[in-house]
Amino acid sequence: MNVYEKLAMTIKAARISQGMSQEEFAEKLEVSSTHVKHMESGHRKPSVDILFKIVELTGMSVDEVISKKTKLENETDVNIMSILSLCSEKEKQLVLKIAKDIIANRDV
């Protein structure tokens, strides 16, 4: 995965962690939702101004936004995070229990 793909995932994860749709995120960044979609897919690179707005909006550091290091390694990680953001705390606990059971039993 190249640096731009990681940047795209980081932007998407930052939006999701704030509980915002692409439309809401775009409004806060003062860009179109299509622009956000293209940044999240890696088809468009954000300007420095947009990067600073993302930093301000999410509370992340510039380094966290542009760093090659991210906890989200692929699109599946981002999708899981997206789904979890829609879950209640009780539902998240259930998903956590199921994930732990899967890991505990994968060598069986």
PDB file of N, CA and C in Angstrom:
ATOM      1  N   MET A   1       0.841  -1.172   0.000  1.00  0.00           N
ATOM      2  CA  MET A   1       0.000   0.000   0.000  1.00  0.00           C
ATOM      3  C   MET A   1       0.890   1.240   0.000  1.00  0.00           C
ATOM      4  N   ASN A   2       0.612   2.159  -0.911  1.00  0.00           N
ATOM      5  CA  ASN A   2       1.457   3.349  -0.991  1.00  0.00           C
ATOM      6  C   ASN A   2       0.959   4.439  -0.036  1.00  0.00           C
ATOM      7  N   VAL A   3       1.727   5.489   0.068  1.00  0.00           N
ATOM      8  CA  VAL A   3       1.439   6.563   1.023  1.00  0.00           C
ATOM      9  C   VAL A   3       0.100   7.245   0.724  1.00  0.00           C
ATOM     10  N   TYR A   4      -0.271   7.367  -0.535  1.00  0.00           N
ATOM     11  CA  TYR A   4      -1.527   8.029  -0.874  1.00  0.00           C
ATOM     12  C   TYR A   4      -2.736   7.154  -0.529  1.00  0.00           C
ATOM     13  N   GLU A   5      -2.591   5.843  -0.684  1.00  0.00           N
ATOM     14  CA  GLU A   5      -3.671   4.935  -0.280  1.00  0.00           C
ATOM     15  C   GLU A   5      -3.865   4.996   1.236  1.00  0.00           C
ATOM     16  N   LYS A   6      -2.754   5.043   1.980  1.00  0.00           N
ATOM     17  CA  LYS A   6      -2.842   5.157   3.447  1.00  0.00           C
ATOM     18  C   LYS A   6      -3.458   6.492   3.835  1.00  0.00           C
ATOM     19  N   LEU A   7      -3.084   7.562   3.142  1.00  0.00           N
ATOM     20  CA  LEU A   7      -3.652   8.876   3.425  1.00  0.00           C
ATOM     21  C   LEU A   7      -5.163   8.852   3.184  1.00  0.00           C
ATOM     22  N   ALA A   8      -5.578   8.228   2.100  1.00  0.00           N
ATOM     23  CA  ALA A   8      -7.004   8.121   1.783  1.00  0.00           C
ATOM     24  C   ALA A   8      -7.743   7.384   2.895  1.00  0.00           C
ATOM     25  N   MET A   9      -7.187   6.278   3.372  1.00  0.00           N
ATOM     26  CA  MET A   9      -7.821   5.531   4.456  1.00  0.00           C
ATOM     27  C   MET A   9      -7.837   6.324   5.751  1.00  0.00           C
ATOM     28  N   THR A  10      -6.771   7.067   6.013  1.00  0.00           N
ATOM     29  CA  THR A  10      -6.709   7.880   7.226  1.00  0.00           C
ATOM     30  C   THR A  10      -7.787   8.955   7.203  1.00  0.00           C
ATOM     31  N   ILE A  11      -7.984   9.577   6.063  1.00  0.00           N
ATOM     32  CA  ILE A  11      -9.017  10.610   5.938  1.00  0.00           C
ATOM     33  C   ILE A  11     -10.402   9.996   6.165  1.00  0.00           C
ATOM     34  N   LYS A  12     -10.647   8.854   5.557  1.00  0.00           N
ATOM     35  CA  LYS A  12     -11.940   8.194   5.736  1.00  0.00           C
ATOM     36  C   LYS A  12     -12.143   7.793   7.195  1.00  0.00           C
ATOM     37  N   ALA A  13     -11.111   7.225   7.812  1.00  0.00           N
ATOM     38  CA  ALA A  13     -11.211   6.823   9.215  1.00  0.00           C
ATOM     39  C   ALA A  13     -11.436   8.020  10.124  1.00  0.00           C
ATOM     40  N   ALA A  14     -10.786   9.139   9.822  1.00  0.00           N
ATOM     41  CA  ALA A  14     -10.955  10.355  10.619  1.00  0.00           C
ATOM     42  C   ALA A  14     -12.399  10.833  10.541  1.00  0.00           C
ATOM     43  N   ARG A  15     -12.959  10.799   9.346  1.00  0.00           N
ATOM     44  CA  ARG A  15     -14.362  11.205   9.172  1.00  0.00           C
ATOM     45  C   ARG A  15     -15.291  10.286   9.958  1.00  0.00           C
ATOM     46  N   ILE A  16     -15.064   8.990   9.812  1.00  0.00           N
ATOM     47  CA  ILE A  16     -15.915   8.007  10.490  1.00  0.00           C
ATOM     48  C   ILE A  16     -15.804   8.143  12.003  1.00  0.00           C
ATOM     49  N   SER A  17     -14.588   8.362  12.493  1.00  0.00           N
ATOM     50  CA  SER A  17     -14.397   8.490  13.936  1.00  0.00           C
ATOM     51  C   SER A  17     -15.134   9.700  14.505  1.00  0.00           C
ATOM     52  N   GLN A  18     -15.407  10.674  13.656  1.00  0.00           N
ATOM     53  CA  GLN A  18     -16.171  11.851  14.070  1.00  0.00           C
ATOM     54  C   GLN A  18     -17.676  11.625  13.896  1.00  0.00           C
ATOM     55  N   GLY A  19     -18.046  10.446  13.379  1.00  0.00           N
ATOM     56  CA  GLY A  19     -19.455  10.118  13.185  1.00  0.00           C
ATOM     57  C   GLY A  19     -20.134  10.935  12.103  1.00  0.00           C
ATOM     58  N   MET A  20     -19.356  11.341  11.108  1.00  0.00           N
ATOM     59  CA  MET A  20     -19.904  12.195  10.043  1.00  0.00           C
ATOM     60  C   MET A  20     -20.050  11.441   8.730  1.00  0.00           C
ATOM     61  N   SER A  21     -21.080  11.804   8.004  1.00  0.00           N
ATOM     62  CA  SER A  21     -21.232  11.321   6.631  1.00  0.00           C
ATOM     63  C   SER A  21     -20.247  12.088   5.756  1.00  0.00           C
ATOM     64  N   GLN A  22     -20.090  11.635   4.519  1.00  0.00           N
ATOM     65  CA  GLN A  22     -19.235  12.374   3.587  1.00  0.00           C
ATOM     66  C   GLN A  22     -19.781  13.777   3.367  1.00  0.00           C
ATOM     67  N   GLU A  23     -21.090  13.902   3.329  1.00  0.00           N
ATOM     68  CA  GLU A  23     -21.712  15.207   3.109  1.00  0.00           C
ATOM     69  C   GLU A  23     -21.428  16.159   4.272  1.00  0.00           C
ATOM     70  N   GLU A  24     -21.571  15.651   5.502  1.00  0.00           N
ATOM     71  CA  GLU A  24     -21.309  16.481   6.682  1.00  0.00           C
ATOM     72  C   GLU A  24     -19.839  16.889   6.756  1.00  0.00           C
ATOM     73  N   PHE A  25     -18.958  15.930   6.473  1.00  0.00           N
ATOM     74  CA  PHE A  25     -17.516  16.189   6.491  1.00  0.00           C
ATOM     75  C   PHE A  25     -17.168  17.236   5.444  1.00  0.00           C
ATOM     76  N   ALA A  26     -17.745  17.082   4.251  1.00  0.00           N
ATOM     77  CA  ALA A  26     -17.495  18.032   3.162  1.00  0.00           C
ATOM     78  C   ALA A  26     -17.929  19.440   3.558  1.00  0.00           C
ATOM     79  N   GLU A  27     -19.075  19.530   4.192  1.00  0.00           N
ATOM     80  CA  GLU A  27     -19.573  20.844   4.615  1.00  0.00           C
ATOM     81  C   GLU A  27     -18.597  21.495   5.603  1.00  0.00           C
ATOM     82  N   LYS A  28     -18.106  20.708   6.549  1.00  0.00           N
ATOM     83  CA  LYS A  28     -17.164  21.242   7.542  1.00  0.00           C
ATOM     84  C   LYS A  28     -15.838  21.648   6.893  1.00  0.00           C
ATOM     85  N   LEU A  29     -15.439  20.894   5.858  1.00  0.00           N
ATOM     86  CA  LEU A  29     -14.174  21.193   5.163  1.00  0.00           C
ATOM     87  C   LEU A  29     -14.351  22.266   4.094  1.00  0.00           C
ATOM     88  N   GLU A  30     -15.599  22.623   3.830  1.00  0.00           N
ATOM     89  CA  GLU A  30     -15.932  23.601   2.797  1.00  0.00           C
ATOM     90  C   GLU A  30     -15.510  23.135   1.404  1.00  0.00           C
ATOM     91  N   VAL A  31     -15.810  21.861   1.134  1.00  0.00           N
ATOM     92  CA  VAL A  31     -15.593  21.271  -0.186  1.00  0.00           C
ATOM     93  C   VAL A  31     -16.852  20.477  -0.540  1.00  0.00           C
ATOM     94  N   SER A  32     -16.908  19.964  -1.754  1.00  0.00           N
ATOM     95  CA  SER A  32     -18.060  19.154  -2.152  1.00  0.00           C
ATOM     96  C   SER A  32     -17.925  17.732  -1.594  1.00  0.00           C
ATOM     97  N   SER A  33     -19.057  17.053  -1.489  1.00  0.00           N
ATOM     98  CA  SER A  33     -19.013  15.663  -1.032  1.00  0.00           C
ATOM     99  C   SER A  33     -18.283  14.792  -2.059  1.00  0.00           C
ATOM    100  N   THR A  34     -18.337  15.174  -3.310  1.00  0.00           N
ATOM    101  CA  THR A  34     -17.586  14.460  -4.352  1.00  0.00           C
ATOM    102  C   THR A  34     -16.089  14.582  -4.107  1.00  0.00           C
ATOM    103  N   HIS A  35     -15.658  15.759  -3.669  1.00  0.00           N
ATOM    104  CA  HIS A  35     -14.240  15.967  -3.356  1.00  0.00           C
ATOM    105  C   HIS A  35     -13.815  15.040  -2.219  1.00  0.00           C
ATOM    106  N   VAL A  36     -14.640  14.940  -1.183  1.00  0.00           N
ATOM    107  CA  VAL A  36     -14.341  14.040  -0.054  1.00  0.00           C
ATOM    108  C   VAL A  36     -14.287  12.599  -0.557  1.00  0.00           C
ATOM    109  N   LYS A  37     -15.260  12.216  -1.362  1.00  0.00           N
ATOM    110  CA  LYS A  37     -15.294  10.857  -1.923  1.00  0.00           C
ATOM    111  C   LYS A  37     -14.002  10.561  -2.680  1.00  0.00           C
ATOM    112  N   HIS A  38     -13.547  11.504  -3.481  1.00  0.00           N
ATOM    113  CA  HIS A  38     -12.319  11.303  -4.260  1.00  0.00           C
ATOM    114  C   HIS A  38     -11.085  11.257  -3.369  1.00  0.00           C
ATOM    115  N   MET A  39     -11.060  12.056  -2.305  1.00  0.00           N
ATOM    116  CA  MET A  39      -9.920  11.993  -1.373  1.00  0.00           C
ATOM    117  C   MET A  39      -9.899  10.640  -0.664  1.00  0.00           C
ATOM    118  N   GLU A  40     -11.070  10.150  -0.256  1.00  0.00           N
ATOM    119  CA  GLU A  40     -11.150   8.879   0.465  1.00  0.00           C
ATOM    120  C   GLU A  40     -10.848   7.680  -0.427  1.00  0.00           C
ATOM    121  N   SER A  41     -11.038   7.831  -1.712  1.00  0.00           N
ATOM    122  CA  SER A  41     -10.742   6.730  -2.637  1.00  0.00           C
ATOM    123  C   SER A  41      -9.316   6.815  -3.187  1.00  0.00           C
ATOM    124  N   GLY A  42      -8.627   7.922  -2.868  1.00  0.00           N
ATOM    125  CA  GLY A  42      -7.259   8.101  -3.349  1.00  0.00           C
ATOM    126  C   GLY A  42      -7.165   8.702  -4.736  1.00  0.00           C
ATOM    127  N   HIS A  43      -8.295   9.097  -5.313  1.00  0.00           N
ATOM    128  CA  HIS A  43      -8.284   9.688  -6.653  1.00  0.00           C
ATOM    129  C   HIS A  43      -7.916  11.166  -6.646  1.00  0.00           C
ATOM    130  N   ARG A  44      -7.996  11.777  -5.492  1.00  0.00           N
ATOM    131  CA  ARG A  44      -7.631  13.186  -5.367  1.00  0.00           C
ATOM    132  C   ARG A  44      -6.854  13.352  -4.074  1.00  0.00           C
ATOM    133  N   LYS A  45      -5.775  14.109  -4.144  1.00  0.00           N
ATOM    134  CA  LYS A  45      -4.957  14.369  -2.960  1.00  0.00           C
ATOM    135  C   LYS A  45      -5.424  15.679  -2.334  1.00  0.00           C
ATOM    136  N   PRO A  46      -5.556  15.694  -1.008  1.00  0.00           N
ATOM    137  CA  PRO A  46      -6.011  16.931  -0.365  1.00  0.00           C
ATOM    138  C   PRO A  46      -4.942  18.016  -0.416  1.00  0.00           C
ATOM    139  N   SER A  47      -5.388  19.246  -0.504  1.00  0.00           N
ATOM    140  CA  SER A  47      -4.459  20.381  -0.455  1.00  0.00           C
ATOM    141  C   SER A  47      -3.962  20.544   0.978  1.00  0.00           C
ATOM    142  N   VAL A  48      -2.941  21.350   1.141  1.00  0.00           N
ATOM    143  CA  VAL A  48      -2.427  21.641   2.480  1.00  0.00           C
ATOM    144  C   VAL A  48      -3.523  22.286   3.320  1.00  0.00           C
ATOM    145  N   ASP A  49      -4.295  23.193   2.728  1.00  0.00           N
ATOM    146  CA  ASP A  49      -5.394  23.836   3.449  1.00  0.00           C
ATOM    147  C   ASP A  49      -6.400  22.804   3.966  1.00  0.00           C
ATOM    148  N   ILE A  50      -6.753  21.850   3.124  1.00  0.00           N
ATOM    149  CA  ILE A  50      -7.708  20.810   3.519  1.00  0.00           C
ATOM    150  C   ILE A  50      -7.101  19.932   4.611  1.00  0.00           C
ATOM    151  N   LEU A  51      -5.822  19.603   4.487  1.00  0.00           N
ATOM    152  CA  LEU A  51      -5.173  18.805   5.536  1.00  0.00           C
ATOM    153  C   LEU A  51      -5.256  19.509   6.885  1.00  0.00           C
ATOM    154  N   PHE A  52      -5.003  20.808   6.904  1.00  0.00           N
ATOM    155  CA  PHE A  52      -5.084  21.546   8.165  1.00  0.00           C
ATOM    156  C   PHE A  52      -6.514  21.599   8.699  1.00  0.00           C
ATOM    157  N   LYS A  53      -7.494  21.670   7.806  1.00  0.00           N
ATOM    158  CA  LYS A  53      -8.888  21.645   8.251  1.00  0.00           C
ATOM    159  C   LYS A  53      -9.235  20.278   8.845  1.00  0.00           C
ATOM    160  N   ILE A  54      -8.709  19.214   8.247  1.00  0.00           N
ATOM    161  CA  ILE A  54      -8.940  17.862   8.780  1.00  0.00           C
ATOM    162  C   ILE A  54      -8.323  17.749  10.166  1.00  0.00           C
ATOM    163  N   VAL A  55      -7.105  18.269  10.329  1.00  0.00           N
ATOM    164  CA  VAL A  55      -6.427  18.269  11.627  1.00  0.00           C
ATOM    165  C   VAL A  55      -7.274  18.999  12.667  1.00  0.00           C
ATOM    166  N   GLU A  56      -7.735  20.173  12.297  1.00  0.00           N
ATOM    167  CA  GLU A  56      -8.536  20.979  13.221  1.00  0.00           C
ATOM    168  C   GLU A  56      -9.853  20.299  13.567  1.00  0.00           C
ATOM    169  N   LEU A  57     -10.489  19.719  12.573  1.00  0.00           N
ATOM    170  CA  LEU A  57     -11.796  19.100  12.752  1.00  0.00           C
ATOM    171  C   LEU A  57     -11.729  17.816  13.572  1.00  0.00           C
ATOM    172  N   THR A  58     -10.674  17.041  13.393  1.00  0.00           N
ATOM    173  CA  THR A  58     -10.593  15.723  14.029  1.00  0.00           C
ATOM    174  C   THR A  58      -9.770  15.703  15.312  1.00  0.00           C
ATOM    175  N   GLY A  59      -8.969  16.735  15.531  1.00  0.00           N
ATOM    176  CA  GLY A  59      -8.103  16.732  16.706  1.00  0.00           C
ATOM    177  C   GLY A  59      -6.853  15.883  16.514  1.00  0.00           C
ATOM    178  N   MET A  60      -6.654  15.393  15.306  1.00  0.00           N
ATOM    179  CA  MET A  60      -5.444  14.620  15.007  1.00  0.00           C
ATOM    180  C   MET A  60      -4.291  15.599  14.784  1.00  0.00           C
ATOM    181  N   SER A  61      -3.088  15.083  14.899  1.00  0.00           N
ATOM    182  CA  SER A  61      -1.932  15.909  14.556  1.00  0.00           C
ATOM    183  C   SER A  61      -1.689  15.794  13.051  1.00  0.00           C
ATOM    184  N   VAL A  62      -0.935  16.738  12.517  1.00  0.00           N
ATOM    185  CA  VAL A  62      -0.567  16.673  11.099  1.00  0.00           C
ATOM    186  C   VAL A  62       0.164  15.360  10.826  1.00  0.00           C
ATOM    187  N   ASP A  63       1.047  14.996  11.733  1.00  0.00           N
ATOM    188  CA  ASP A  63       1.806  13.752  11.579  1.00  0.00           C
ATOM    189  C   ASP A  63       0.881  12.540  11.511  1.00  0.00           C
ATOM    190  N   GLU A  64      -0.155  12.518  12.352  1.00  0.00           N
ATOM    191  CA  GLU A  64      -1.094  11.392  12.332  1.00  0.00           C
ATOM    192  C   GLU A  64      -1.839  11.313  11.001  1.00  0.00           C
ATOM    193  N   VAL A  65      -2.169  12.453  10.449  1.00  0.00           N
ATOM    194  CA  VAL A  65      -2.917  12.463   9.188  1.00  0.00           C
ATOM    195  C   VAL A  65      -2.042  12.023   8.026  1.00  0.00           C
ATOM    196  N   ILE A  66      -0.807  12.501   7.967  1.00  0.00           N
ATOM    197  CA  ILE A  66       0.026  12.216   6.795  1.00  0.00           C
ATOM    198  C   ILE A  66       1.019  11.080   6.990  1.00  0.00           C
ATOM    199  N   SER A  67       1.130  10.571   8.206  1.00  0.00           N
ATOM    200  CA  SER A  67       2.091   9.511   8.486  1.00  0.00           C
ATOM    201  C   SER A  67       1.758   8.245   7.709  1.00  0.00           C
ATOM    202  N   LYS A  68       2.777   7.524   7.370  1.00  0.00           N
ATOM    203  CA  LYS A  68       2.582   6.230   6.721  1.00  0.00           C
ATOM    204  C   LYS A  68       2.043   5.204   7.714  1.00  0.00           C
ATOM    205  N   LYS A  69       2.214   5.462   8.997  1.00  0.00           N
ATOM    206  CA  LYS A  69       1.768   4.523  10.023  1.00  0.00           C
ATOM    207  C   LYS A  69       0.308   4.783  10.340  1.00  0.00           C
ATOM    208  N   THR A  70      -0.466   3.744  10.297  1.00  0.00           N
ATOM    209  CA  THR A  70      -1.876   3.843  10.649  1.00  0.00           C
ATOM    210  C   THR A  70      -2.332   2.514  11.216  1.00  0.00           C
ATOM    211  N   LYS A  71      -3.306   2.561  12.082  1.00  0.00           N
ATOM    212  CA  LYS A  71      -3.868   1.339  12.647  1.00  0.00           C
ATOM    213  C   LYS A  71      -4.751   0.641  11.626  1.00  0.00           C
ATOM    214  N   LEU A  72      -5.212   1.382  10.649  1.00  0.00           N
ATOM    215  CA  LEU A  72      -6.072   0.825   9.623  1.00  0.00           C
ATOM    216  C   LEU A  72      -5.217   0.417   8.431  1.00  0.00           C
ATOM    217  N   GLU A  73      -5.122  -0.865   8.213  1.00  0.00           N
ATOM    218  CA  GLU A  73      -4.209  -1.375   7.197  1.00  0.00           C
ATOM    219  C   GLU A  73      -4.860  -1.594   5.845  1.00  0.00           C
ATOM    220  N   ASN A  74      -6.191  -1.652   5.806  1.00  0.00           N
ATOM    221  CA  ASN A  74      -6.843  -1.900   4.526  1.00  0.00           C
ATOM    222  C   ASN A  74      -8.297  -1.435   4.562  1.00  0.00           C
ATOM    223  N   GLU A  75      -8.955  -1.578   3.457  1.00  0.00           N
ATOM    224  CA  GLU A  75     -10.340  -1.117   3.328  1.00  0.00           C
ATOM    225  C   GLU A  75     -11.270  -1.881   4.266  1.00  0.00           C
ATOM    226  N   THR A  76     -10.969  -3.139   4.539  1.00  0.00           N
ATOM    227  CA  THR A  76     -11.790  -3.921   5.470  1.00  0.00           C
ATOM    228  C   THR A  76     -11.764  -3.297   6.851  1.00  0.00           C
ATOM    229  N   ASP A  77     -10.587  -2.872   7.319  1.00  0.00           N
ATOM    230  CA  ASP A  77     -10.479  -2.214   8.621  1.00  0.00           C
ATOM    231  C   ASP A  77     -11.351  -0.964   8.671  1.00  0.00           C
ATOM    232  N   VAL A  78     -11.313  -0.179   7.626  1.00  0.00           N
ATOM    233  CA  VAL A  78     -12.105   1.048   7.569  1.00  0.00           C
ATOM    234  C   VAL A  78     -13.592   0.711   7.564  1.00  0.00           C
ATOM    235  N   ASN A  79     -13.986  -0.314   6.808  1.00  0.00           N
ATOM    236  CA  ASN A  79     -15.395  -0.701   6.756  1.00  0.00           C
ATOM    237  C   ASN A  79     -15.890  -1.206   8.108  1.00  0.00           C
ATOM    238  N   ILE A  80     -15.055  -1.976   8.798  1.00  0.00           N
ATOM    239  CA  ILE A  80     -15.428  -2.445  10.136  1.00  0.00           C
ATOM    240  C   ILE A  80     -15.621  -1.257  11.066  1.00  0.00           C
ATOM    241  N   MET A  81     -14.701  -0.308  11.012  1.00  0.00           N
ATOM    242  CA  MET A  81     -14.820   0.880  11.847  1.00  0.00           C
ATOM    243  C   MET A  81     -16.098   1.652  11.507  1.00  0.00           C
ATOM    244  N   SER A  82     -16.415   1.725  10.244  1.00  0.00           N
ATOM    245  CA  SER A  82     -17.618   2.429   9.805  1.00  0.00           C
ATOM    246  C   SER A  82     -18.868   1.765  10.376  1.00  0.00           C
ATOM    247  N   ILE A  83     -18.928   0.467  10.302  1.00  0.00           N
ATOM    248  CA  ILE A  83     -20.082  -0.259  10.828  1.00  0.00           C
ATOM    249  C   ILE A  83     -20.174  -0.105  12.340  1.00  0.00           C
ATOM    250  N   LEU A  84     -19.045  -0.219  13.018  1.00  0.00           N
ATOM    251  CA  LEU A  84     -19.051  -0.089  14.478  1.00  0.00           C
ATOM    252  C   LEU A  84     -19.499   1.290  14.932  1.00  0.00           C
ATOM    253  N   SER A  85     -19.219   2.303  14.130  1.00  0.00           N
ATOM    254  CA  SER A  85     -19.625   3.659  14.512  1.00  0.00           C
ATOM    255  C   SER A  85     -21.146   3.802  14.547  1.00  0.00           C
ATOM    256  N   LEU A  86     -21.850   2.886  13.895  1.00  0.00           N
ATOM    257  CA  LEU A  86     -23.306   2.913  13.868  1.00  0.00           C
ATOM    258  C   LEU A  86     -23.937   2.079  14.984  1.00  0.00           C
ATOM    259  N   CYS A  87     -23.111   1.318  15.703  1.00  0.00           N
ATOM    260  CA  CYS A  87     -23.603   0.398  16.729  1.00  0.00           C
ATOM    261  C   CYS A  87     -23.721   1.061  18.097  1.00  0.00           C
ATOM    262  N   SER A  88     -24.636   0.538  18.894  1.00  0.00           N
ATOM    263  CA  SER A  88     -24.748   0.962  20.288  1.00  0.00           C
ATOM    264  C   SER A  88     -23.596   0.333  21.074  1.00  0.00           C
ATOM    265  N   GLU A  89     -23.400   0.782  22.290  1.00  0.00           N
ATOM    266  CA  GLU A  89     -22.334   0.209  23.129  1.00  0.00           C
ATOM    267  C   GLU A  89     -22.580  -1.282  23.362  1.00  0.00           C
ATOM    268  N   LYS A  90     -23.816  -1.656  23.584  1.00  0.00           N
ATOM    269  CA  LYS A  90     -24.166  -3.069  23.800  1.00  0.00           C
ATOM    270  C   LYS A  90     -23.826  -3.897  22.555  1.00  0.00           C
ATOM    271  N   GLU A  91     -24.144  -3.366  21.387  1.00  0.00           N
ATOM    272  CA  GLU A  91     -23.838  -4.071  20.137  1.00  0.00           C
ATOM    273  C   GLU A  91     -22.329  -4.183  19.937  1.00  0.00           C
ATOM    274  N   LYS A  92     -21.581  -3.126  20.275  1.00  0.00           N
ATOM    275  CA  LYS A  92     -20.124  -3.168  20.159  1.00  0.00           C
ATOM    276  C   LYS A  92     -19.534  -4.237  21.070  1.00  0.00           C
ATOM    277  N   GLN A  93     -20.070  -4.366  22.278  1.00  0.00           N
ATOM    278  CA  GLN A  93     -19.593  -5.390  23.204  1.00  0.00           C
ATOM    279  C   GLN A  93     -19.852  -6.782  22.644  1.00  0.00           C
ATOM    280  N   LEU A  94     -20.993  -6.977  21.996  1.00  0.00           N
ATOM    281  CA  LEU A  94     -21.314  -8.262  21.377  1.00  0.00           C
ATOM    282  C   LEU A  94     -20.337  -8.566  20.237  1.00  0.00           C
ATOM    283  N   VAL A  95     -20.065  -7.580  19.400  1.00  0.00           N
ATOM    284  CA  VAL A  95     -19.106  -7.755  18.303  1.00  0.00           C
ATOM    285  C   VAL A  95     -17.726  -8.092  18.865  1.00  0.00           C
ATOM    286  N   LEU A  96     -17.314  -7.415  19.918  1.00  0.00           N
ATOM    287  CA  LEU A  96     -16.026  -7.695  20.554  1.00  0.00           C
ATOM    288  C   LEU A  96     -15.966  -9.124  21.060  1.00  0.00           C
ATOM    289  N   LYS A  97     -17.028  -9.585  21.711  1.00  0.00           N
ATOM    290  CA  LYS A  97     -17.072 -10.960  22.221  1.00  0.00           C
ATOM    291  C   LYS A  97     -16.953 -11.959  21.071  1.00  0.00           C
ATOM    292  N   ILE A  98     -17.688 -11.717  19.995  1.00  0.00           N
ATOM    293  CA  ILE A  98     -17.644 -12.618  18.836  1.00  0.00           C
ATOM    294  C   ILE A  98     -16.235 -12.639  18.236  1.00  0.00           C
ATOM    295  N   ALA A  99     -15.624 -11.466  18.089  1.00  0.00           N
ATOM    296  CA  ALA A  99     -14.258 -11.395  17.532  1.00  0.00           C
ATOM    297  C   ALA A  99     -13.276 -12.160  18.413  1.00  0.00           C
ATOM    298  N   LYS A 100     -13.396 -12.006  19.722  1.00  0.00           N
ATOM    299  CA  LYS A 100     -12.506 -12.733  20.652  1.00  0.00           C
ATOM    300  C   LYS A 100     -12.714 -14.230  20.528  1.00  0.00           C
ATOM    301  N   ASP A 101     -13.985 -14.663  20.391  1.00  0.00           N
ATOM    302  CA  ASP A 101     -14.277 -16.092  20.220  1.00  0.00           C
ATOM    303  C   ASP A 101     -13.670 -16.623  18.919  1.00  0.00           C
ATOM    304  N   ILE A 102     -13.748 -15.851  17.865  1.00  0.00           N
ATOM    305  CA  ILE A 102     -13.169 -16.260  16.574  1.00  0.00           C
ATOM    306  C   ILE A 102     -11.658 -16.457  16.731  1.00  0.00           C
ATOM    307  N   ILE A 103     -10.996 -15.497  17.366  1.00  0.00           N
ATOM    308  CA  ILE A 103      -9.543 -15.579  17.547  1.00  0.00           C
ATOM    309  C   ILE A 103      -9.179 -16.765  18.433  1.00  0.00           C
ATOM    310  N   ALA A 104      -9.918 -16.958  19.501  1.00  0.00           N
ATOM    311  CA  ALA A 104      -9.632 -18.059  20.435  1.00  0.00           C
ATOM    312  C   ALA A 104      -9.796 -19.422  19.781  1.00  0.00           C
ATOM    313  N   ASN A 105     -10.691 -19.516  18.808  1.00  0.00           N
ATOM    314  CA  ASN A 105     -10.987 -20.807  18.202  1.00  0.00           C
ATOM    315  C   ASN A 105     -10.410 -21.019  16.808  1.00  0.00           C
ATOM    316  N   ARG A 106      -9.594 -20.100  16.327  1.00  0.00           N
ATOM    317  CA  ARG A 106      -9.092 -20.242  14.953  1.00  0.00           C
ATOM    318  C   ARG A 106      -8.063 -21.355  14.792  1.00  0.00           C
ATOM    319  N   ASP A 107      -7.437 -21.768  15.884  1.00  0.00           N
ATOM    320  CA  ASP A 107      -6.452 -22.850  15.796  1.00  0.00           C
ATOM    321  C   ASP A 107      -7.057 -24.202  16.128  1.00  0.00           C
ATOM    322  N   VAL A 108      -8.362 -24.236  16.381  1.00  0.00           N
ATOM    323  CA  VAL A 108      -9.032 -25.488  16.778  1.00  0.00           C
ATOM    324  C   VAL A 108      -9.264 -26.356  15.588  1.00  0.00           C
TER     325      VAL A 108
END
